[in-house]
Amino acid sequence: MQRRDFLTAAAAVGLSTATGTSRGDVLIPKRNAGSETTHSSRYNPERSRQRRVPSENQRYVLLEIYSTQSVAKRNELLRSFDSRLINDRNQLGFDKVGVFYVDTELMRGDRSYNAALYDAAVFVVQESSNIENFLDLQRRTADNFSRFNLSDDLEFIDEEMTVLRSLVCQPRIEVPYRGRDRLLQLRTYNSPNYERNIAKARMFEQGELDLFRRCGMEPVFMGSAIFGSWIPNITYMLSFENDEARREGWDMFVRHPEWRQMSGDPQYARTATRIRNLFLRPSNGSQI
């Protein structure tokens, strides 16, 4: 699918999710006007069955994955994005633009990792309150993007795009850490159908994300894909001060009795039948 067709179709889906009519919409706990979202410190199975409605506070996240021909080309594209793309996006009103690449050393031994797809890939993340802004981005950056791939010696050869609608428990992109050693973890949970996708979103909103935070696993974004690959899915990014903090956080999480209770609850069975897990490092100029 061409980039223009992708974003146009995504906008159409986004309009339906804004009204809560799309079968792929992620529904959320009903809120009182002007109130802040709250989360109990403990998992509550009964609360997870409450009626859910869309929220005006949710945002849209655009995740782009650029494929290049080699790690050398990947590094060239990272430098180009740092010097040009981030500034271009900032001028269009996107105040936080994240640019990342895979830490291949950390992926060693992971049998599910597809090195051919991701070793030479560059990841870009940004958010908007209106999905139409992504179409505007496409139109207004046409001249800027002409500066890439000007010859047969291509800087990138393909682009995969996913549009996500944020979950109520993580409505906006956050930047927990800015240190040079920070590590980002990008995870995608593919569900077998939309009903199981909504159940997985409910699992995060009703306790799992709160437990992440208490285990030192700080979220950057979390959303349900309304258009892209691996549909339906929940995709999220966590941030860690360094890899040691990542290991300690996950060790605490998987051992926690609240996680064991949640993961054993029948209402959450088969919510993630395929998982993509990537450890990412930020580019020098990344704002996330």
Protein backbone atom coordinates (compact mmCIF):
# COMPACT_ATOMS: atom_id res chain seq x y z
CA MET A 1 0.00 0.00 0.00
CA GLN A 2 1.27 3.47 -0.90
CA ARG A 3 1.96 6.01 1.85
CA ARG A 4 -0.86 8.30 0.64
CA ASP A 5 -3.40 5.46 0.58
CA PHE A 6 -2.26 4.30 4.02
CA LEU A 7 -2.75 7.66 5.73
CA THR A 8 -6.03 8.39 3.94
CA ALA A 9 -7.44 5.04 5.04
CA ALA A 10 -6.09 5.58 8.55
CA ALA A 11 -7.89 8.93 8.71
CA ALA A 12 -11.15 7.25 7.76
CA VAL A 13 -10.68 4.68 10.49
CA GLY A 14 -9.71 7.41 12.95
CA LEU A 15 -12.95 9.29 12.33
CA SER A 16 -14.95 6.19 13.19
CA THR A 17 -12.91 5.47 16.34
CA ALA A 18 -13.47 9.02 17.52
CA THR A 19 -17.17 8.22 17.74
CA GLY A 20 -16.62 4.77 19.23
CA THR A 21 -18.19 2.97 16.28
CA SER A 22 -15.19 1.07 14.91
CA ARG A 23 -14.85 -2.57 15.91
CA GLY A 24 -11.12 -1.86 16.33
CA ASP A 25 -11.66 1.03 18.73
CA VAL A 26 -10.11 0.63 22.17
CA LEU A 27 -12.76 1.52 24.71
CA ILE A 28 -11.95 2.95 28.12
CA PRO A 29 -13.45 3.42 31.60
CA LYS A 30 -16.19 6.06 31.80
CA ARG A 31 -14.94 9.33 33.28
CA ASN A 32 -16.61 12.31 34.93
CA ALA A 33 -16.16 15.59 33.07
CA GLY A 34 -13.03 17.40 34.19
CA SER A 35 -11.82 14.55 36.37
CA GLU A 36 -8.40 12.95 36.15
CA THR A 37 -7.91 9.27 35.43
CA THR A 38 -7.05 7.30 38.56
CA HIS A 39 -5.72 3.81 39.04
CA SER A 40 -5.93 1.73 42.15
CA SER A 41 -2.66 0.35 43.46
CA ARG A 42 -4.00 -3.19 43.32
CA TYR A 43 -5.52 -5.35 40.62
CA ASN A 44 -9.32 -5.45 40.83
CA PRO A 45 -11.01 -8.09 38.62
CA GLU A 46 -14.47 -6.61 39.16
CA ARG A 47 -13.40 -3.12 38.12
CA SER A 48 -12.02 -4.52 34.88
CA ARG A 49 -15.57 -5.44 33.83
CA GLN A 50 -16.91 -1.86 34.03
CA ARG A 51 -18.58 -0.28 31.01
CA ARG A 52 -16.10 1.46 28.71
CA VAL A 53 -16.51 4.52 26.45
CA PRO A 54 -14.10 6.56 24.27
CA SER A 55 -12.21 9.52 25.80
CA GLU A 56 -11.44 12.92 24.25
CA ASN A 57 -8.04 12.88 25.99
CA GLN A 58 -6.66 10.03 23.90
CA ARG A 59 -4.06 10.88 21.22
CA TYR A 60 -2.86 9.26 18.02
CA VAL A 61 0.66 7.90 17.70
CA LEU A 62 2.39 7.40 14.35
CA LEU A 63 5.06 4.69 14.38
CA GLU A 64 7.27 4.55 11.27
CA ILE A 65 9.85 1.86 10.51
CA TYR A 66 12.29 2.68 7.71
CA SER A 67 14.18 -0.25 6.19
CA THR A 68 17.65 0.36 4.78
CA GLN A 69 20.11 -1.79 2.84
CA SER A 70 22.76 -2.12 5.56
CA VAL A 71 23.80 -0.98 9.01
CA ALA A 72 26.02 1.62 7.34
CA LYS A 73 22.97 2.96 5.48
CA ARG A 74 21.00 2.85 8.73
CA ASN A 75 23.59 5.05 10.42
CA GLU A 76 23.53 7.42 7.45
CA LEU A 77 19.74 7.69 7.73
CA LEU A 78 19.98 8.28 11.49
CA ARG A 79 22.28 11.24 10.86
CA SER A 80 19.94 12.58 8.18
CA PHE A 81 16.93 12.30 10.46
CA ASP A 82 18.79 13.98 13.34
CA SER A 83 19.82 16.91 11.17
CA ARG A 84 16.65 17.32 9.10
CA LEU A 85 13.60 15.17 9.85
CA ILE A 86 13.31 15.97 13.58
CA ASN A 87 13.48 19.71 12.91
CA ASP A 88 10.99 19.38 10.04
CA ARG A 89 8.51 17.57 12.28
CA ASN A 90 9.00 20.09 15.12
CA GLN A 91 8.17 22.93 12.73
CA LEU A 92 4.97 21.13 11.81
CA GLY A 93 3.92 21.13 15.47
CA PHE A 94 5.13 17.72 16.69
CA ASP A 95 7.01 18.69 19.86
CA LYS A 96 8.42 15.24 20.69
CA VAL A 97 9.93 13.21 17.86
CA GLY A 98 11.70 9.97 18.75
CA VAL A 99 14.26 8.36 16.44
CA PHE A 100 15.65 4.92 17.33
CA TYR A 101 17.58 1.88 16.12
CA VAL A 102 17.81 -1.70 17.41
CA ASP A 103 20.48 -2.63 19.95
CA THR A 104 21.50 -5.80 18.14
CA GLU A 105 23.67 -7.02 21.03
CA LEU A 106 20.67 -7.13 23.34
CA MET A 107 18.67 -9.01 20.71
CA ARG A 108 21.20 -11.85 20.48
CA GLY A 109 19.65 -15.14 21.56
CA ASP A 110 16.08 -13.97 20.98
CA ARG A 111 14.73 -16.60 18.58
CA SER A 112 11.73 -14.44 17.64
CA TYR A 113 13.93 -11.57 16.46
CA ASN A 114 14.07 -11.03 12.70
CA ALA A 115 17.54 -9.59 12.09
CA ALA A 116 16.91 -9.25 8.35
CA LEU A 117 14.02 -6.87 9.06
CA TYR A 118 15.32 -4.84 11.97
CA ASP A 119 19.13 -4.77 12.15
CA ALA A 120 19.25 -2.00 9.53
CA ALA A 121 15.94 -0.29 10.43
CA VAL A 122 15.26 3.19 11.79
CA PHE A 123 12.20 3.83 13.97
CA VAL A 124 10.38 7.17 14.26
CA VAL A 125 7.62 7.99 16.78
CA GLN A 126 5.43 11.08 17.18
CA GLU A 127 1.90 11.88 18.38
CA SER A 128 -1.01 14.17 17.52
CA SER A 129 -4.40 15.02 18.98
CA ASN A 130 -5.96 14.74 15.50
CA ILE A 131 -5.25 12.02 12.98
CA GLU A 132 -5.75 14.59 10.20
CA ASN A 133 -2.45 16.15 11.31
CA PHE A 134 -0.64 13.11 9.90
CA LEU A 135 -2.23 13.77 6.50
CA ASP A 136 -1.14 17.40 6.79
CA LEU A 137 2.36 16.17 7.66
CA GLN A 138 2.36 14.12 4.46
CA ARG A 139 1.29 17.05 2.31
CA ARG A 140 3.53 19.70 3.85
CA THR A 141 6.69 17.59 4.01
CA ALA A 142 6.64 16.46 0.38
CA ASP A 143 9.41 18.93 -0.52
CA ASN A 144 11.40 18.06 2.61
CA PHE A 145 11.24 14.35 1.87
CA SER A 146 12.50 15.00 -1.65
CA ARG A 147 15.88 15.54 -0.01
CA PHE A 148 15.99 11.82 0.75
CA ASN A 149 16.60 9.10 -1.83
CA LEU A 150 17.79 11.52 -4.50
CA SER A 151 19.83 8.86 -6.32
CA ASP A 152 19.87 5.13 -6.90
CA ASP A 153 22.05 4.81 -3.78
CA LEU A 154 18.96 4.83 -1.56
CA GLU A 155 19.01 5.99 2.04
CA PHE A 156 15.98 3.79 2.76
CA ILE A 157 14.14 1.23 0.66
CA ASP A 158 10.80 0.79 2.43
CA GLU A 159 8.63 2.30 5.14
CA GLU A 160 6.16 0.52 7.41
CA MET A 161 3.62 2.69 9.20
CA THR A 162 1.24 2.05 12.08
CA VAL A 163 -1.32 4.49 13.48
CA LEU A 164 -2.25 3.86 17.10
CA ARG A 165 -4.88 5.36 19.36
CA SER A 166 -3.52 5.84 22.85
CA LEU A 167 -5.03 4.06 25.82
CA VAL A 168 -6.64 6.15 28.55
CA CYS A 169 -4.05 4.97 31.07
CA GLN A 170 -1.28 6.44 28.85
CA PRO A 171 -2.94 9.23 26.84
CA ARG A 172 0.21 11.21 25.99
CA ILE A 173 3.81 10.47 25.09
CA GLU A 174 6.10 10.78 28.11
CA VAL A 175 9.91 11.09 28.25
CA PRO A 176 10.95 9.49 31.57
CA TYR A 177 14.71 9.44 30.90
CA ARG A 178 17.08 11.55 28.80
CA GLY A 179 20.46 10.09 29.79
CA ARG A 180 22.90 8.76 27.20
CA ASP A 181 22.53 5.18 28.49
CA ARG A 182 18.74 5.11 28.31
CA LEU A 183 17.14 2.06 26.74
CA LEU A 184 13.74 1.86 25.05
CA GLN A 185 11.72 -1.32 24.70
CA LEU A 186 9.11 -1.55 21.94
CA ARG A 187 6.58 -4.36 22.28
CA THR A 188 3.66 -5.31 20.03
CA TYR A 189 0.97 -7.75 21.21
CA ASN A 190 -0.96 -9.19 18.28
CA SER A 191 -4.42 -10.51 19.23
CA PRO A 192 -6.41 -13.13 17.29
CA ASN A 193 -9.45 -10.82 17.02
CA TYR A 194 -10.74 -7.42 18.14
CA GLU A 195 -12.57 -8.79 21.16
CA ARG A 196 -9.27 -10.17 22.53
CA ASN A 197 -7.54 -6.91 21.57
CA ILE A 198 -9.99 -4.92 23.68
CA ALA A 199 -9.49 -7.38 26.55
CA LYS A 200 -5.73 -6.78 26.39
CA ALA A 201 -6.26 -3.03 26.48
CA ARG A 202 -8.52 -3.51 29.51
CA MET A 203 -5.77 -5.56 31.19
CA PHE A 204 -3.33 -2.64 30.87
CA GLU A 205 -5.86 -0.03 31.92
CA GLN A 206 -7.07 -1.93 34.97
CA GLY A 207 -3.79 -2.80 36.61
CA GLU A 208 -0.93 -3.95 34.38
CA LEU A 209 0.37 -0.48 33.47
CA ASP A 210 0.15 0.64 37.08
CA LEU A 211 2.24 -2.39 38.02
CA PHE A 212 4.76 -1.47 35.31
CA ARG A 213 5.29 1.89 36.97
CA ARG A 214 5.62 0.41 40.45
CA CYS A 215 8.32 -1.92 39.12
CA GLY A 216 10.29 1.00 37.66
CA MET A 217 9.20 0.35 34.07
CA GLU A 218 8.23 3.79 32.81
CA PRO A 219 5.91 4.02 29.77
CA VAL A 220 6.54 6.29 26.80
CA PHE A 221 3.36 5.49 24.87
CA MET A 222 0.75 2.76 24.73
CA GLY A 223 -1.93 2.38 22.10
CA SER A 224 -4.14 0.14 20.03
CA ALA A 225 -3.42 0.02 16.29
CA ILE A 226 -6.24 1.33 14.12
CA PHE A 227 -4.24 0.86 10.92
CA GLY A 228 -0.99 -0.89 10.02
CA SER A 229 0.47 -4.38 10.27
CA TRP A 230 -0.24 -7.15 12.80
CA ILE A 231 -3.84 -5.92 13.16
CA PRO A 232 -5.30 -5.98 15.75
CA ASN A 233 -2.56 -5.17 18.25
CA ILE A 234 -1.53 -3.23 21.32
CA THR A 235 1.86 -1.56 20.87
CA TYR A 236 3.73 0.18 23.66
CA MET A 237 7.16 1.55 24.52
CA LEU A 238 8.90 1.47 27.90
CA SER A 239 11.89 3.56 28.94
CA PHE A 240 14.70 2.56 31.29
CA GLU A 241 17.67 4.48 32.66
CA ASN A 242 19.91 1.66 31.43
CA ASP A 243 19.82 -2.06 30.64
CA GLU A 244 20.44 -3.06 34.25
CA ALA A 245 17.31 -1.17 35.29
CA ARG A 246 15.41 -2.96 32.53
CA ARG A 247 16.46 -6.38 33.81
CA GLU A 248 15.65 -5.51 37.41
CA GLY A 249 12.24 -4.09 36.47
CA TRP A 250 11.13 -7.11 34.48
CA ASP A 251 12.41 -9.50 37.14
CA MET A 252 10.32 -7.69 39.76
CA PHE A 253 7.30 -7.60 37.46
CA VAL A 254 7.16 -11.30 36.49
CA ARG A 255 7.59 -12.34 40.14
CA HIS A 256 4.90 -9.99 41.43
CA PRO A 257 1.77 -11.72 42.81
CA GLU A 258 -0.51 -9.16 41.16
CA TRP A 259 0.90 -10.06 37.74
CA ARG A 260 0.42 -13.75 38.46
CA GLN A 261 -3.19 -13.07 39.37
CA MET A 262 -3.83 -10.97 36.25
CA SER A 263 -2.08 -13.34 33.87
CA GLY A 264 -4.08 -16.27 35.24
CA ASP A 265 -7.46 -14.54 34.93
CA PRO A 266 -9.56 -16.34 32.24
CA GLN A 267 -10.93 -13.04 30.88
CA TYR A 268 -7.43 -12.24 29.60
CA ALA A 269 -6.69 -15.59 27.98
CA ARG A 270 -5.27 -15.50 24.41
CA THR A 271 -5.04 -11.71 24.33
CA ALA A 272 -1.49 -11.82 22.91
CA THR A 273 -0.91 -14.78 20.60
CA ARG A 274 2.08 -13.21 18.81
CA ILE A 275 4.60 -10.77 20.32
CA ARG A 276 7.25 -8.54 18.76
CA ASN A 277 9.88 -7.39 21.24
CA LEU A 278 12.64 -4.92 20.32
CA PHE A 279 15.31 -3.19 22.40
CA LEU A 280 16.00 0.25 20.95
CA ARG A 281 18.61 2.95 21.43
CA PRO A 282 17.86 6.61 20.69
CA SER A 283 19.67 8.53 17.96
CA ASN A 284 21.88 11.40 19.06
CA GLY A 285 19.14 13.91 18.31
CA SER A 286 16.10 11.91 19.48
CA GLN A 287 13.69 13.89 21.65
CA ILE A 288 12.37 10.72 23.34
